[in-house]
Amino acid sequence: MTPKEEKELLLRVVTKLAGQQLEKGGFIPFGATLGSKRDVQLLMPKSMKQDVTTDELDAYWVRTLRQAVATGECKTVCSCTDVRVQANEGLLVSAVLVHVEHVDTFSEDILYPYRKDEGSGVVWRAHERGDGVPDIYHSSGTFLK
């Protein structure tokens, strides 16, 4: 698989899981890795305090994903968080933020805005992509310290 194909496979899996969580009325931040055999490993926190800060959550995922990739078996990793972002009109919009990295080629932040329909289903809106800051890998493929 190419790095782009790996990323797209991982994104399909995690956005599906995110949608399922949201439809059930809650969201637990999670991470995922894609192994060399196209196997997706979900990483869920055992517990999380109620008022976790963004910095604490980011630090947790950096530690957890670095531990997960230490074996060298996976090249693509991500973390997923339910966020609120300010839209152009100044209103807060619900979205799932996915930070995805590949060992050799990219770090990307993808924002998936959503709304809930009358039946509690999730309706995804157009996503936005932006360059992410590498948290797990250097551009050379080595781990960040």
N, C-alpha and C. Protein backbone atom coordinates (compact mmCIF):
# COMPACT_ATOMS: atom_id res chain seq x y z
N MET A 1 0.84 -1.19 0.00
CA MET A 1 0.00 0.00 0.00
C MET A 1 0.88 1.25 0.00
N THR A 2 0.41 2.27 -0.66
CA THR A 2 1.12 3.54 -0.63
C THR A 2 0.78 4.25 0.69
N PRO A 3 1.59 5.22 1.09
CA PRO A 3 1.25 5.98 2.30
C PRO A 3 -0.13 6.62 2.23
N LYS A 4 -0.52 7.11 1.06
CA LYS A 4 -1.85 7.71 0.92
C LYS A 4 -2.94 6.66 1.13
N GLU A 5 -2.76 5.48 0.57
CA GLU A 5 -3.74 4.40 0.76
C GLU A 5 -3.83 3.97 2.23
N GLU A 6 -2.67 3.92 2.89
CA GLU A 6 -2.66 3.60 4.32
C GLU A 6 -3.45 4.63 5.11
N LYS A 7 -3.21 5.90 4.81
CA LYS A 7 -3.91 6.98 5.51
C LYS A 7 -5.40 6.87 5.28
N GLU A 8 -5.81 6.69 4.04
CA GLU A 8 -7.24 6.64 3.72
C GLU A 8 -7.93 5.45 4.39
N LEU A 9 -7.24 4.30 4.46
CA LEU A 9 -7.80 3.14 5.14
C LEU A 9 -7.99 3.43 6.63
N LEU A 10 -6.97 3.99 7.26
CA LEU A 10 -7.07 4.31 8.68
C LEU A 10 -8.16 5.35 8.93
N LEU A 11 -8.27 6.34 8.07
CA LEU A 11 -9.30 7.37 8.24
C LEU A 11 -10.71 6.79 8.09
N ARG A 12 -10.90 5.86 7.16
CA ARG A 12 -12.22 5.23 7.02
C ARG A 12 -12.62 4.50 8.30
N VAL A 13 -11.67 3.79 8.88
CA VAL A 13 -11.96 3.03 10.10
C VAL A 13 -12.27 3.98 11.26
N VAL A 14 -11.44 4.99 11.47
CA VAL A 14 -11.64 5.84 12.65
C VAL A 14 -12.84 6.76 12.52
N THR A 15 -13.16 7.22 11.32
CA THR A 15 -14.36 8.06 11.20
C THR A 15 -15.62 7.23 11.38
N LYS A 16 -15.58 5.98 10.98
CA LYS A 16 -16.73 5.09 11.22
C LYS A 16 -16.93 4.89 12.72
N LEU A 17 -15.85 4.61 13.45
CA LEU A 17 -15.94 4.44 14.90
C LEU A 17 -16.38 5.73 15.58
N ALA A 18 -15.85 6.85 15.14
CA ALA A 18 -16.24 8.14 15.72
C ALA A 18 -17.73 8.37 15.53
N GLY A 19 -18.24 8.09 14.34
CA GLY A 19 -19.67 8.25 14.08
C GLY A 19 -20.52 7.35 14.97
N GLN A 20 -20.07 6.11 15.17
CA GLN A 20 -20.81 5.19 16.04
C GLN A 20 -20.84 5.70 17.47
N GLN A 21 -19.71 6.20 17.96
CA GLN A 21 -19.67 6.75 19.32
C GLN A 21 -20.62 7.94 19.46
N LEU A 22 -20.57 8.83 18.50
CA LEU A 22 -21.41 10.03 18.56
C LEU A 22 -22.89 9.67 18.52
N GLU A 23 -23.25 8.68 17.71
CA GLU A 23 -24.65 8.26 17.62
C GLU A 23 -25.15 7.65 18.93
N LYS A 24 -24.24 7.06 19.70
CA LYS A 24 -24.62 6.47 20.98
C LYS A 24 -24.67 7.52 22.09
N GLY A 25 -24.32 8.77 21.77
CA GLY A 25 -24.47 9.85 22.72
C GLY A 25 -23.23 10.20 23.52
N GLY A 26 -22.10 9.67 23.16
CA GLY A 26 -20.87 10.01 23.86
C GLY A 26 -19.68 9.86 22.95
N PHE A 27 -18.56 10.37 23.42
CA PHE A 27 -17.34 10.25 22.62
C PHE A 27 -16.17 10.09 23.56
N ILE A 28 -15.44 9.02 23.42
CA ILE A 28 -14.21 8.80 24.17
C ILE A 28 -13.08 8.98 23.17
N PRO A 29 -12.18 9.93 23.41
CA PRO A 29 -11.05 10.11 22.49
C PRO A 29 -10.30 8.79 22.34
N PHE A 30 -9.82 8.54 21.13
CA PHE A 30 -9.11 7.29 20.88
C PHE A 30 -8.02 7.50 19.85
N GLY A 31 -7.13 6.52 19.79
CA GLY A 31 -6.08 6.53 18.80
C GLY A 31 -6.15 5.24 18.00
N ALA A 32 -5.36 5.18 16.94
CA ALA A 32 -5.32 3.97 16.13
C ALA A 32 -3.99 3.90 15.39
N THR A 33 -3.57 2.66 15.15
CA THR A 33 -2.38 2.42 14.34
C THR A 33 -2.74 1.47 13.21
N LEU A 34 -2.02 1.58 12.12
CA LEU A 34 -2.20 0.66 11.01
C LEU A 34 -0.94 -0.15 10.86
N GLY A 35 -1.06 -1.48 11.04
CA GLY A 35 0.08 -2.38 10.96
C GLY A 35 0.46 -2.69 9.53
N SER A 36 1.58 -3.36 9.38
CA SER A 36 2.11 -3.70 8.05
C SER A 36 1.22 -4.68 7.31
N LYS A 37 0.33 -5.37 8.01
CA LYS A 37 -0.59 -6.32 7.37
C LYS A 37 -2.00 -5.74 7.25
N ARG A 38 -2.08 -4.42 7.23
CA ARG A 38 -3.36 -3.69 7.10
C ARG A 38 -4.27 -3.91 8.31
N ASP A 39 -3.70 -4.25 9.43
CA ASP A 39 -4.48 -4.46 10.64
C ASP A 39 -4.54 -3.16 11.44
N VAL A 40 -5.74 -2.76 11.81
CA VAL A 40 -5.95 -1.54 12.59
C VAL A 40 -6.05 -1.91 14.06
N GLN A 41 -5.23 -1.27 14.86
CA GLN A 41 -5.25 -1.46 16.31
C GLN A 41 -5.83 -0.19 16.94
N LEU A 42 -6.97 -0.32 17.61
CA LEU A 42 -7.56 0.83 18.29
C LEU A 42 -6.95 0.97 19.66
N LEU A 43 -6.72 2.19 20.06
CA LEU A 43 -6.14 2.50 21.36
C LEU A 43 -7.13 3.36 22.14
N MET A 44 -7.66 2.80 23.21
CA MET A 44 -8.65 3.51 24.02
C MET A 44 -8.07 3.73 25.42
N PRO A 45 -8.24 4.93 25.97
CA PRO A 45 -7.76 5.15 27.34
C PRO A 45 -8.57 4.31 28.32
N LYS A 46 -7.89 3.81 29.35
CA LYS A 46 -8.58 3.03 30.39
C LYS A 46 -9.50 3.93 31.21
N SER A 47 -9.07 5.15 31.40
CA SER A 47 -9.89 6.14 32.11
C SER A 47 -9.42 7.52 31.70
N MET A 48 -10.26 8.51 31.95
CA MET A 48 -9.91 9.88 31.62
C MET A 48 -10.67 10.79 32.56
N LYS A 49 -9.97 11.76 33.11
CA LYS A 49 -10.66 12.67 34.01
C LYS A 49 -11.64 13.54 33.24
N GLN A 50 -12.63 14.01 33.92
CA GLN A 50 -13.74 14.76 33.31
C GLN A 50 -13.28 16.04 32.62
N ASP A 51 -12.38 16.78 33.24
CA ASP A 51 -11.99 18.10 32.73
C ASP A 51 -10.58 18.11 32.14
N VAL A 52 -10.26 17.07 31.37
CA VAL A 52 -8.93 16.98 30.76
C VAL A 52 -8.71 18.17 29.82
N THR A 53 -7.51 18.74 29.86
CA THR A 53 -7.20 19.87 28.99
C THR A 53 -6.68 19.37 27.65
N THR A 54 -6.68 20.24 26.68
CA THR A 54 -6.17 19.90 25.35
C THR A 54 -4.70 19.48 25.44
N ASP A 55 -3.91 20.22 26.21
CA ASP A 55 -2.49 19.89 26.35
C ASP A 55 -2.29 18.52 26.98
N GLU A 56 -3.09 18.20 28.01
CA GLU A 56 -2.98 16.90 28.65
C GLU A 56 -3.36 15.78 27.69
N LEU A 57 -4.41 16.00 26.92
CA LEU A 57 -4.86 14.99 25.96
C LEU A 57 -3.82 14.79 24.86
N ASP A 58 -3.27 15.89 24.34
CA ASP A 58 -2.22 15.79 23.33
C ASP A 58 -1.02 15.02 23.86
N ALA A 59 -0.58 15.34 25.07
CA ALA A 59 0.57 14.65 25.66
C ALA A 59 0.29 13.16 25.85
N TYR A 60 -0.93 12.84 26.25
CA TYR A 60 -1.32 11.43 26.42
C TYR A 60 -1.20 10.69 25.10
N TRP A 61 -1.73 11.26 24.01
CA TRP A 61 -1.69 10.57 22.72
C TRP A 61 -0.28 10.47 22.17
N VAL A 62 0.53 11.47 22.39
CA VAL A 62 1.93 11.38 21.94
C VAL A 62 2.61 10.21 22.64
N ARG A 63 2.48 10.11 23.96
CA ARG A 63 3.09 8.99 24.71
C ARG A 63 2.54 7.65 24.24
N THR A 64 1.23 7.56 24.15
CA THR A 64 0.58 6.29 23.81
C THR A 64 0.92 5.84 22.40
N LEU A 65 0.89 6.75 21.44
CA LEU A 65 1.19 6.37 20.05
C LEU A 65 2.68 6.04 19.88
N ARG A 66 3.55 6.74 20.58
CA ARG A 66 4.98 6.40 20.51
C ARG A 66 5.22 5.00 21.05
N GLN A 67 4.56 4.66 22.15
CA GLN A 67 4.70 3.31 22.69
C GLN A 67 4.18 2.28 21.69
N ALA A 68 3.07 2.59 21.02
CA ALA A 68 2.46 1.65 20.08
C ALA A 68 3.33 1.40 18.86
N VAL A 69 4.08 2.40 18.43
CA VAL A 69 4.89 2.24 17.21
C VAL A 69 6.33 1.85 17.50
N ALA A 70 6.68 1.69 18.76
CA ALA A 70 8.06 1.40 19.14
C ALA A 70 8.58 0.10 18.51
N THR A 71 7.71 -0.84 18.20
CA THR A 71 8.14 -2.11 17.60
C THR A 71 8.53 -1.95 16.14
N GLY A 72 8.12 -0.86 15.51
CA GLY A 72 8.41 -0.65 14.10
C GLY A 72 7.43 -1.33 13.17
N GLU A 73 6.38 -1.94 13.70
CA GLU A 73 5.41 -2.68 12.89
C GLU A 73 4.40 -1.78 12.17
N CYS A 74 4.19 -0.57 12.66
CA CYS A 74 3.19 0.29 12.00
C CYS A 74 3.83 1.59 11.56
N LYS A 75 3.35 2.07 10.44
CA LYS A 75 3.88 3.29 9.85
C LYS A 75 2.89 4.44 9.88
N THR A 76 1.61 4.15 10.10
CA THR A 76 0.59 5.19 10.08
C THR A 76 -0.18 5.15 11.39
N VAL A 77 -0.30 6.32 12.04
CA VAL A 77 -0.97 6.41 13.33
C VAL A 77 -1.89 7.63 13.34
N CYS A 78 -2.87 7.61 14.26
CA CYS A 78 -3.72 8.80 14.39
C CYS A 78 -4.32 8.87 15.79
N SER A 79 -4.80 10.05 16.12
CA SER A 79 -5.61 10.25 17.33
C SER A 79 -6.87 10.99 16.91
N CYS A 80 -7.96 10.73 17.62
CA CYS A 80 -9.27 11.31 17.29
C CYS A 80 -9.88 11.93 18.52
N THR A 81 -10.37 13.15 18.38
CA THR A 81 -10.94 13.88 19.50
C THR A 81 -12.18 14.63 19.03
N ASP A 82 -13.20 14.68 19.86
CA ASP A 82 -14.40 15.47 19.59
C ASP A 82 -14.11 16.89 20.06
N VAL A 83 -14.26 17.86 19.17
CA VAL A 83 -13.92 19.25 19.48
C VAL A 83 -15.05 20.19 19.07
N ARG A 84 -14.96 21.41 19.51
CA ARG A 84 -15.83 22.49 19.05
C ARG A 84 -14.92 23.54 18.44
N VAL A 85 -15.25 23.98 17.24
CA VAL A 85 -14.44 24.99 16.55
C VAL A 85 -15.33 26.16 16.16
N GLN A 86 -14.72 27.30 16.06
CA GLN A 86 -15.47 28.49 15.70
C GLN A 86 -15.61 28.56 14.18
N ALA A 87 -16.84 28.66 13.72
CA ALA A 87 -17.12 28.77 12.29
C ALA A 87 -16.98 30.23 11.86
N ASN A 88 -17.09 30.45 10.57
CA ASN A 88 -16.96 31.81 10.03
C ASN A 88 -17.93 32.79 10.67
N GLU A 89 -19.12 32.31 11.02
CA GLU A 89 -20.13 33.18 11.59
C GLU A 89 -19.91 33.42 13.08
N GLY A 90 -18.87 32.84 13.66
CA GLY A 90 -18.59 32.99 15.07
C GLY A 90 -19.28 31.96 15.94
N LEU A 91 -20.09 31.10 15.35
CA LEU A 91 -20.77 30.05 16.11
C LEU A 91 -19.83 28.87 16.33
N LEU A 92 -20.04 28.15 17.42
CA LEU A 92 -19.26 26.94 17.65
C LEU A 92 -19.89 25.78 16.89
N VAL A 93 -19.04 25.01 16.22
CA VAL A 93 -19.47 23.87 15.42
C VAL A 93 -18.82 22.62 15.99
N SER A 94 -19.58 21.54 16.11
CA SER A 94 -19.05 20.26 16.56
C SER A 94 -18.25 19.62 15.43
N ALA A 95 -17.13 19.00 15.79
CA ALA A 95 -16.29 18.34 14.79
C ALA A 95 -15.44 17.27 15.45
N VAL A 96 -15.01 16.33 14.65
CA VAL A 96 -14.03 15.34 15.08
C VAL A 96 -12.70 15.76 14.45
N LEU A 97 -11.68 15.91 15.30
CA LEU A 97 -10.35 16.26 14.83
C LEU A 97 -9.50 15.00 14.81
N VAL A 98 -8.97 14.68 13.63
CA VAL A 98 -8.08 13.52 13.48
C VAL A 98 -6.69 14.04 13.15
N HIS A 99 -5.73 13.71 13.99
CA HIS A 99 -4.32 14.00 13.71
C HIS A 99 -3.72 12.69 13.21
N VAL A 100 -3.23 12.68 11.98
CA VAL A 100 -2.70 11.45 11.39
C VAL A 100 -1.26 11.69 10.93
N GLU A 101 -0.42 10.69 11.17
CA GLU A 101 0.99 10.77 10.76
C GLU A 101 1.42 9.48 10.09
N HIS A 102 2.33 9.62 9.13
CA HIS A 102 2.97 8.48 8.50
C HIS A 102 4.47 8.63 8.72
N VAL A 103 5.14 7.54 8.97
CA VAL A 103 6.56 7.56 9.32
C VAL A 103 7.41 8.27 8.26
N ASP A 104 7.08 8.14 7.00
CA ASP A 104 7.95 8.67 5.95
C ASP A 104 7.47 9.96 5.29
N THR A 105 6.17 10.23 5.31
CA THR A 105 5.71 11.26 4.37
C THR A 105 4.87 12.40 4.91
N PHE A 106 4.10 12.25 5.95
CA PHE A 106 3.19 13.34 6.27
C PHE A 106 2.78 13.39 7.72
N SER A 107 2.30 14.55 8.09
CA SER A 107 1.58 14.79 9.33
C SER A 107 0.45 15.72 8.94
N GLU A 108 -0.78 15.33 9.28
CA GLU A 108 -1.93 16.08 8.81
C GLU A 108 -2.99 16.14 9.90
N ASP A 109 -3.64 17.29 10.00
CA ASP A 109 -4.80 17.45 10.86
C ASP A 109 -6.03 17.56 9.98
N ILE A 110 -7.04 16.74 10.26
CA ILE A 110 -8.25 16.73 9.45
C ILE A 110 -9.43 16.98 10.38
N LEU A 111 -10.22 17.97 10.04
CA LEU A 111 -11.38 18.35 10.83
C LEU A 111 -12.64 17.89 10.10
N TYR A 112 -13.42 17.05 10.79
CA TYR A 112 -14.67 16.52 10.24
C TYR A 112 -15.85 17.14 10.98
N PRO A 113 -16.36 18.30 10.52
CA PRO A 113 -17.54 18.88 11.17
C PRO A 113 -18.74 17.95 11.01
N TYR A 114 -19.61 17.97 12.01
CA TYR A 114 -20.80 17.12 11.94
C TYR A 114 -21.96 17.80 12.65
N ARG A 115 -23.13 17.28 12.39
CA ARG A 115 -24.32 17.66 13.15
C ARG A 115 -25.11 16.38 13.40
N LYS A 116 -25.96 16.42 14.39
CA LYS A 116 -26.81 15.27 14.68
C LYS A 116 -28.18 15.55 14.09
N ASP A 117 -28.75 14.54 13.41
CA ASP A 117 -30.08 14.72 12.85
C ASP A 117 -31.13 14.39 13.92
N GLU A 118 -32.38 14.47 13.57
CA GLU A 118 -33.46 14.27 14.54
C GLU A 118 -33.45 12.88 15.17
N GLY A 119 -32.95 11.88 14.47
CA GLY A 119 -32.90 10.52 14.99
C GLY A 119 -31.59 10.21 15.68
N SER A 120 -30.80 11.20 16.02
CA SER A 120 -29.48 11.08 16.66
C SER A 120 -28.41 10.50 15.73
N GLY A 121 -28.70 10.46 14.43
CA GLY A 121 -27.68 10.05 13.47
C GLY A 121 -26.68 11.17 13.25
N VAL A 122 -25.50 10.81 12.81
CA VAL A 122 -24.45 11.80 12.55
C VAL A 122 -24.43 12.13 11.07
N VAL A 123 -24.47 13.41 10.76
CA VAL A 123 -24.37 13.88 9.38
C VAL A 123 -23.04 14.61 9.26
N TRP A 124 -22.12 14.01 8.51
CA TRP A 124 -20.80 14.61 8.31
C TRP A 124 -20.90 15.73 7.30
N ARG A 125 -20.20 16.80 7.55
CA ARG A 125 -20.09 17.92 6.60
C ARG A 125 -18.74 17.81 5.91
N ALA A 126 -18.48 18.69 4.97
CA ALA A 126 -17.21 18.65 4.24
C ALA A 126 -16.05 18.81 5.22
N HIS A 127 -15.05 17.95 5.09
CA HIS A 127 -13.91 18.03 6.00
C HIS A 127 -12.86 19.01 5.49
N GLU A 128 -12.03 19.44 6.42
CA GLU A 128 -10.96 20.39 6.12
C GLU A 128 -9.64 19.76 6.49
N ARG A 129 -8.66 19.88 5.61
CA ARG A 129 -7.35 19.30 5.86
C ARG A 129 -6.32 20.42 6.01
N GLY A 130 -5.37 20.18 6.89
CA GLY A 130 -4.27 21.12 7.08
C GLY A 130 -3.03 20.38 7.50
N ASP A 131 -1.89 21.00 7.28
CA ASP A 131 -0.63 20.39 7.71
C ASP A 131 -0.63 20.27 9.21
N GLY A 132 -0.23 19.12 9.70
CA GLY A 132 -0.10 18.91 11.13
C GLY A 132 1.35 19.01 11.56
N VAL A 133 1.56 19.27 12.82
CA VAL A 133 2.90 19.28 13.38
C VAL A 133 3.24 17.86 13.78
N PRO A 134 4.35 17.30 13.29
CA PRO A 134 4.68 15.92 13.65
C PRO A 134 4.86 15.77 15.16
N ASP A 135 4.14 14.85 15.76
CA ASP A 135 4.26 14.56 17.18
C ASP A 135 4.94 13.23 17.43
N ILE A 136 4.82 12.32 16.48
CA ILE A 136 5.30 10.95 16.68
C ILE A 136 6.60 10.71 15.92
N TYR A 137 6.66 11.09 14.66
CA TYR A 137 7.83 10.84 13.83
C TYR A 137 8.47 12.14 13.36
N HIS A 138 9.82 12.13 13.21
CA HIS A 138 10.51 13.19 12.48
C HIS A 138 10.30 12.93 11.00
N SER A 139 10.58 13.89 10.17
CA SER A 139 10.48 13.67 8.73
C SER A 139 11.45 12.59 8.26
N SER A 140 12.49 12.32 9.04
CA SER A 140 13.46 11.29 8.66
C SER A 140 12.98 9.88 9.03
N GLY A 141 11.81 9.78 9.69
CA GLY A 141 11.29 8.48 10.07
C GLY A 141 11.73 8.03 11.46
N THR A 142 12.49 8.88 12.14
CA THR A 142 12.87 8.54 13.51
C THR A 142 11.86 9.12 14.48
N PHE A 143 11.86 8.62 15.69
CA PHE A 143 10.92 9.10 16.70
C PHE A 143 11.33 10.47 17.21
N LEU A 144 10.34 11.30 17.46
CA LEU A 144 10.60 12.55 18.16
C LEU A 144 10.87 12.23 19.62
N LYS A 145 11.68 12.98 20.28
CA LYS A 145 11.98 12.74 21.71
C LYS A 145 11.25 13.74 22.56
